[in-house]
Amino acid sequence: MNKQGLYVANTCCMLILVGVLLGAFYFQYGLGEDPCPLCLLQRMGMIGVALGLSLNTFFGFSKKHFAFVIFTAVVGCGFSTRQVLLHISPEPGAPLGYGTPFFGMHLYTWGVLIFVACILGSAIFLFLIEDEREAPPRAASWFEKISFYLMFFICTANLLSTFLMCGVGPCCENGPCP
């Protein structure tokens, strides 16, 4: 794959994460399902992955950027896996899962799959790229810029939404902790 194709693939991965975050917003505001604290941590993991991908867009491919993507994806996958394990064998009488399933799986299960895909995708990118730290900065295409600004808007909206829901302190089940 040529270098421009890698940049397009990088941007498409960023747009997929934007779609996932928009879907989480739909569940929160469209279906009225407030996110749990683990859900919010998973969103932060996806924002971290998107941030790492956007670093590639504006500063060129770097092993450090992909290390950041892999690190935030591993942390996010840990949060998602924790939630899967919490609901894999619930207490008797407890509801199966948290929230409405999407295509038969809960959002935190999708989170595990998305984070694993981000880790594997970053590993593949590391094999395909040459480190560009010595290369002069490149100009991002209009597609990359629009994708970045969309990602920035969605991430800022997520952060603002979380702040309005929880305040500056820790966030408990459905709002700030008492």
C-alpha atoms as a PDB file:
ATOM      1  CA  MET A   1       0.000   0.000   0.000  1.00  0.00           C
ATOM      2  CA  ASN A   2       1.388   3.427  -0.877  1.00  0.00           C
ATOM      3  CA  LYS A   3       1.886   6.159   1.703  1.00  0.00           C
ATOM      4  CA  GLN A   4      -1.232   8.130   0.687  1.00  0.00           C
ATOM      5  CA  GLY A   5      -3.304   4.954   0.984  1.00  0.00           C
ATOM      6  CA  LEU A   6      -1.982   4.488   4.520  1.00  0.00           C
ATOM      7  CA  TYR A   7      -3.053   8.026   5.415  1.00  0.00           C
ATOM      8  CA  VAL A   8      -6.529   7.385   4.004  1.00  0.00           C
ATOM      9  CA  ALA A   9      -6.750   4.121   5.986  1.00  0.00           C
ATOM     10  CA  ASN A  10      -5.601   5.957   9.138  1.00  0.00           C
ATOM     11  CA  THR A  11      -8.292   8.605   8.620  1.00  0.00           C
ATOM     12  CA  CYS A  12     -10.968   5.971   7.953  1.00  0.00           C
ATOM     13  CA  CYS A  13     -10.071   4.285  11.248  1.00  0.00           C
ATOM     14  CA  MET A  14     -10.489   7.647  12.969  1.00  0.00           C
ATOM     15  CA  LEU A  15     -13.913   8.061  11.322  1.00  0.00           C
ATOM     16  CA  ILE A  16     -14.984   4.605  12.515  1.00  0.00           C
ATOM     17  CA  LEU A  17     -14.225   5.703  16.076  1.00  0.00           C
ATOM     18  CA  VAL A  18     -16.235   8.881  15.485  1.00  0.00           C
ATOM     19  CA  GLY A  19     -19.152   6.660  14.421  1.00  0.00           C
ATOM     20  CA  VAL A  20     -18.780   4.570  17.575  1.00  0.00           C
ATOM     21  CA  LEU A  21     -18.792   7.692  19.763  1.00  0.00           C
ATOM     22  CA  LEU A  22     -21.836   9.034  17.884  1.00  0.00           C
ATOM     23  CA  GLY A  23     -23.558   5.695  18.508  1.00  0.00           C
ATOM     24  CA  ALA A  24     -22.806   6.019  22.219  1.00  0.00           C
ATOM     25  CA  PHE A  25     -24.367   9.494  22.121  1.00  0.00           C
ATOM     26  CA  TYR A  26     -27.452   8.019  20.459  1.00  0.00           C
ATOM     27  CA  PHE A  27     -27.800   5.467  23.253  1.00  0.00           C
ATOM     28  CA  GLN A  28     -27.305   8.216  25.840  1.00  0.00           C
ATOM     29  CA  TYR A  29     -29.586  10.903  24.436  1.00  0.00           C
ATOM     30  CA  GLY A  30     -31.778   9.104  21.896  1.00  0.00           C
ATOM     31  CA  LEU A  31     -32.616   6.083  24.053  1.00  0.00           C
ATOM     32  CA  GLY A  32     -32.164   7.805  27.416  1.00  0.00           C
ATOM     33  CA  GLU A  33     -29.550   5.328  28.690  1.00  0.00           C
ATOM     34  CA  ASP A  34     -27.086   7.169  30.893  1.00  0.00           C
ATOM     35  CA  PRO A  35     -23.597   5.688  30.628  1.00  0.00           C
ATOM     36  CA  CYS A  36     -22.118   3.924  33.629  1.00  0.00           C
ATOM     37  CA  PRO A  37     -18.679   4.932  34.966  1.00  0.00           C
ATOM     38  CA  LEU A  38     -16.992   2.047  33.095  1.00  0.00           C
ATOM     39  CA  CYS A  39     -18.769   3.155  29.906  1.00  0.00           C
ATOM     40  CA  LEU A  40     -17.333   6.652  30.323  1.00  0.00           C
ATOM     41  CA  LEU A  41     -13.840   5.208  30.803  1.00  0.00           C
ATOM     42  CA  GLN A  42     -14.276   3.179  27.604  1.00  0.00           C
ATOM     43  CA  ARG A  43     -15.244   6.359  25.759  1.00  0.00           C
ATOM     44  CA  MET A  44     -12.083   8.017  27.048  1.00  0.00           C
ATOM     45  CA  GLY A  45     -10.093   5.058  25.705  1.00  0.00           C
ATOM     46  CA  MET A  46     -11.668   5.517  22.273  1.00  0.00           C
ATOM     47  CA  ILE A  47     -10.930   9.234  22.408  1.00  0.00           C
ATOM     48  CA  GLY A  48      -7.300   8.376  23.201  1.00  0.00           C
ATOM     49  CA  VAL A  49      -7.107   6.031  20.222  1.00  0.00           C
ATOM     50  CA  ALA A  50      -8.626   8.704  17.960  1.00  0.00           C
ATOM     51  CA  LEU A  51      -6.143  11.258  19.301  1.00  0.00           C
ATOM     52  CA  GLY A  52      -3.231   8.952  18.487  1.00  0.00           C
ATOM     53  CA  LEU A  53      -4.542   8.464  14.956  1.00  0.00           C
ATOM     54  CA  SER A  54      -4.934  12.222  14.520  1.00  0.00           C
ATOM     55  CA  LEU A  55      -1.278  12.690  15.548  1.00  0.00           C
ATOM     56  CA  ASN A  56      -0.401  10.555  12.516  1.00  0.00           C
ATOM     57  CA  THR A  57      -2.516  12.803  10.317  1.00  0.00           C
ATOM     58  CA  PHE A  58      -0.761  16.036  11.208  1.00  0.00           C
ATOM     59  CA  PHE A  59       2.746  14.968  12.228  1.00  0.00           C
ATOM     60  CA  GLY A  60       3.323  11.949  10.002  1.00  0.00           C
ATOM     61  CA  PHE A  61       3.459   8.306  10.941  1.00  0.00           C
ATOM     62  CA  SER A  62       5.543   7.599  14.002  1.00  0.00           C
ATOM     63  CA  LYS A  63       6.097   4.567  16.166  1.00  0.00           C
ATOM     64  CA  LYS A  64       5.389   6.769  19.198  1.00  0.00           C
ATOM     65  CA  HIS A  65       1.949   7.680  17.847  1.00  0.00           C
ATOM     66  CA  PHE A  66       1.087   4.024  17.344  1.00  0.00           C
ATOM     67  CA  ALA A  67       2.489   3.212  20.792  1.00  0.00           C
ATOM     68  CA  PHE A  68       0.026   5.786  22.167  1.00  0.00           C
ATOM     69  CA  VAL A  69      -2.810   4.191  20.173  1.00  0.00           C
ATOM     70  CA  ILE A  70      -1.893   0.714  21.414  1.00  0.00           C
ATOM     71  CA  PHE A  71      -1.520   1.888  25.030  1.00  0.00           C
ATOM     72  CA  THR A  72      -4.904   3.647  25.111  1.00  0.00           C
ATOM     73  CA  ALA A  73      -6.532   0.702  23.308  1.00  0.00           C
ATOM     74  CA  VAL A  74      -5.118  -1.747  25.870  1.00  0.00           C
ATOM     75  CA  VAL A  75      -6.406   0.426  28.733  1.00  0.00           C
ATOM     76  CA  GLY A  76      -9.819   0.785  27.050  1.00  0.00           C
ATOM     77  CA  CYS A  77      -9.925  -2.950  26.366  1.00  0.00           C
ATOM     78  CA  GLY A  78      -9.223  -3.542  30.053  1.00  0.00           C
ATOM     79  CA  PHE A  79     -12.233  -1.422  31.022  1.00  0.00           C
ATOM     80  CA  SER A  80     -14.431  -3.150  28.431  1.00  0.00           C
ATOM     81  CA  THR A  81     -13.280  -6.609  29.493  1.00  0.00           C
ATOM     82  CA  ARG A  82     -13.948  -5.744  33.136  1.00  0.00           C
ATOM     83  CA  GLN A  83     -17.523  -4.841  32.252  1.00  0.00           C
ATOM     84  CA  VAL A  84     -17.993  -7.996  30.167  1.00  0.00           C
ATOM     85  CA  LEU A  85     -16.783 -10.081  33.108  1.00  0.00           C
ATOM     86  CA  LEU A  86     -19.137  -8.254  35.488  1.00  0.00           C
ATOM     87  CA  HIS A  87     -22.115  -9.257  33.347  1.00  0.00           C
ATOM     88  CA  ILE A  88     -20.988 -12.672  32.134  1.00  0.00           C
ATOM     89  CA  SER A  89     -22.361 -14.395  35.218  1.00  0.00           C
ATOM     90  CA  PRO A  90     -24.581 -11.951  37.096  1.00  0.00           C
ATOM     91  CA  GLU A  91     -26.081 -12.567  40.495  1.00  0.00           C
ATOM     92  CA  PRO A  92     -29.364 -14.520  40.472  1.00  0.00           C
ATOM     93  CA  GLY A  93     -32.214 -12.201  39.558  1.00  0.00           C
ATOM     94  CA  ALA A  94     -29.891  -9.502  38.222  1.00  0.00           C
ATOM     95  CA  PRO A  95     -30.492  -8.282  34.668  1.00  0.00           C
ATOM     96  CA  LEU A  96     -28.366  -9.813  31.925  1.00  0.00           C
ATOM     97  CA  GLY A  97     -26.102  -7.047  30.719  1.00  0.00           C
ATOM     98  CA  TYR A  98     -26.223  -3.290  30.997  1.00  0.00           C
ATOM     99  CA  GLY A  99     -28.106  -1.292  28.414  1.00  0.00           C
ATOM    100  CA  THR A 100     -29.756  -2.206  25.152  1.00  0.00           C
ATOM    101  CA  PRO A 101     -27.907  -4.711  22.927  1.00  0.00           C
ATOM    102  CA  PHE A 102     -26.789  -3.585  19.471  1.00  0.00           C
ATOM    103  CA  PHE A 103     -26.786  -6.378  16.864  1.00  0.00           C
ATOM    104  CA  GLY A 104     -27.062  -8.883  19.696  1.00  0.00           C
ATOM    105  CA  MET A 105     -24.146  -7.611  21.791  1.00  0.00           C
ATOM    106  CA  HIS A 106     -23.908  -4.928  24.457  1.00  0.00           C
ATOM    107  CA  LEU A 107     -21.817  -1.839  23.775  1.00  0.00           C
ATOM    108  CA  TYR A 108     -19.061  -2.921  26.175  1.00  0.00           C
ATOM    109  CA  THR A 109     -18.708  -6.209  24.267  1.00  0.00           C
ATOM    110  CA  TRP A 110     -18.396  -4.217  21.058  1.00  0.00           C
ATOM    111  CA  GLY A 111     -15.822  -2.119  22.914  1.00  0.00           C
ATOM    112  CA  VAL A 112     -13.616  -5.170  23.483  1.00  0.00           C
ATOM    113  CA  LEU A 113     -13.785  -6.030  19.776  1.00  0.00           C
ATOM    114  CA  ILE A 114     -13.093  -2.449  18.675  1.00  0.00           C
ATOM    115  CA  PHE A 115     -10.129  -2.050  21.020  1.00  0.00           C
ATOM    116  CA  VAL A 116      -8.649  -5.393  19.920  1.00  0.00           C
ATOM    117  CA  ALA A 117      -9.097  -4.304  16.282  1.00  0.00           C
ATOM    118  CA  CYS A 118      -7.286  -1.034  17.095  1.00  0.00           C
ATOM    119  CA  ILE A 119      -4.391  -2.941  18.656  1.00  0.00           C
ATOM    120  CA  LEU A 120      -4.120  -5.346  15.708  1.00  0.00           C
ATOM    121  CA  GLY A 121      -4.562  -2.541  13.171  1.00  0.00           C
ATOM    122  CA  SER A 122      -1.811  -0.495  14.810  1.00  0.00           C
ATOM    123  CA  ALA A 123       0.511  -3.498  14.771  1.00  0.00           C
ATOM    124  CA  ILE A 124      -0.159  -3.944  11.044  1.00  0.00           C
ATOM    125  CA  PHE A 125       0.459  -0.233  10.429  1.00  0.00           C
ATOM    126  CA  LEU A 126       3.794  -0.526  12.258  1.00  0.00           C
ATOM    127  CA  PHE A 127       4.878  -3.137   9.726  1.00  0.00           C
ATOM    128  CA  LEU A 128       3.760  -1.013   6.776  1.00  0.00           C
ATOM    129  CA  ILE A 129       5.109   2.417   7.709  1.00  0.00           C
ATOM    130  CA  GLU A 130       8.528   3.911   7.762  1.00  0.00           C
ATOM    131  CA  ASP A 131       9.191   6.184  10.728  1.00  0.00           C
ATOM    132  CA  GLU A 132       8.955   9.762   9.466  1.00  0.00           C
ATOM    133  CA  ARG A 133      10.471  11.645  12.386  1.00  0.00           C
ATOM    134  CA  GLU A 134      13.161  13.045  10.075  1.00  0.00           C
ATOM    135  CA  ALA A 135      10.668  13.888   7.329  1.00  0.00           C
ATOM    136  CA  PRO A 136       9.384  17.438   6.895  1.00  0.00           C
ATOM    137  CA  PRO A 137       5.791  18.032   8.026  1.00  0.00           C
ATOM    138  CA  ARG A 138       3.212  17.145   5.421  1.00  0.00           C
ATOM    139  CA  ALA A 139       0.032  19.031   4.650  1.00  0.00           C
ATOM    140  CA  ALA A 140      -3.115  17.140   5.596  1.00  0.00           C
ATOM    141  CA  SER A 141      -5.713  16.655   2.856  1.00  0.00           C
ATOM    142  CA  TRP A 142      -9.178  18.187   3.113  1.00  0.00           C
ATOM    143  CA  PHE A 143     -10.586  14.706   3.902  1.00  0.00           C
ATOM    144  CA  GLU A 144      -8.144  14.350   6.786  1.00  0.00           C
ATOM    145  CA  LYS A 145      -8.840  17.861   8.081  1.00  0.00           C
ATOM    146  CA  ILE A 146     -12.630  17.444   7.974  1.00  0.00           C
ATOM    147  CA  SER A 147     -12.315  14.063   9.682  1.00  0.00           C
ATOM    148  CA  PHE A 148     -10.088  15.551  12.379  1.00  0.00           C
ATOM    149  CA  TYR A 149     -12.449  18.448  13.067  1.00  0.00           C
ATOM    150  CA  LEU A 150     -15.407  16.068  13.234  1.00  0.00           C
ATOM    151  CA  MET A 151     -13.463  13.857  15.645  1.00  0.00           C
ATOM    152  CA  PHE A 152     -12.430  16.893  17.707  1.00  0.00           C
ATOM    153  CA  PHE A 153     -16.050  18.100  17.896  1.00  0.00           C
ATOM    154  CA  ILE A 154     -17.376  14.674  18.968  1.00  0.00           C
ATOM    155  CA  CYS A 155     -14.603  14.202  21.547  1.00  0.00           C
ATOM    156  CA  THR A 156     -15.202  17.679  22.972  1.00  0.00           C
ATOM    157  CA  ALA A 157     -18.946  16.975  23.115  1.00  0.00           C
ATOM    158  CA  ASN A 158     -18.218  13.715  24.981  1.00  0.00           C
ATOM    159  CA  LEU A 159     -16.010  15.504  27.494  1.00  0.00           C
ATOM    160  CA  LEU A 160     -18.563  18.287  27.979  1.00  0.00           C
ATOM    161  CA  SER A 161     -21.397  15.772  28.341  1.00  0.00           C
ATOM    162  CA  THR A 162     -19.428  13.864  30.984  1.00  0.00           C
ATOM    163  CA  PHE A 163     -18.613  17.076  32.846  1.00  0.00           C
ATOM    164  CA  LEU A 164     -22.279  18.132  32.835  1.00  0.00           C
ATOM    165  CA  MET A 165     -23.337  14.678  34.026  1.00  0.00           C
ATOM    166  CA  CYS A 166     -20.703  14.150  36.721  1.00  0.00           C
ATOM    167  CA  GLY A 167     -19.123  17.502  37.523  1.00  0.00           C
ATOM    168  CA  VAL A 168     -15.444  17.669  38.425  1.00  0.00           C
ATOM    169  CA  GLY A 169     -15.497  14.746  40.865  1.00  0.00           C
ATOM    170  CA  PRO A 170     -15.814  11.022  40.282  1.00  0.00           C
ATOM    171  CA  CYS A 171     -18.888   9.776  38.471  1.00  0.00           C
ATOM    172  CA  CYS A 172     -21.077   7.180  40.148  1.00  0.00           C
ATOM    173  CA  GLU A 173     -23.837   5.045  38.625  1.00  0.00           C
ATOM    174  CA  ASN A 174     -25.997   7.839  37.195  1.00  0.00           C
ATOM    175  CA  GLY A 175     -24.310  11.123  37.989  1.00  0.00           C
ATOM    176  CA  PRO A 176     -21.904  12.573  40.536  1.00  0.00           C
ATOM    177  CA  CYS A 177     -21.046  10.569  43.630  1.00  0.00           C
ATOM    178  CA  PRO A 178     -22.752  11.704  46.845  1.00  0.00           C
END
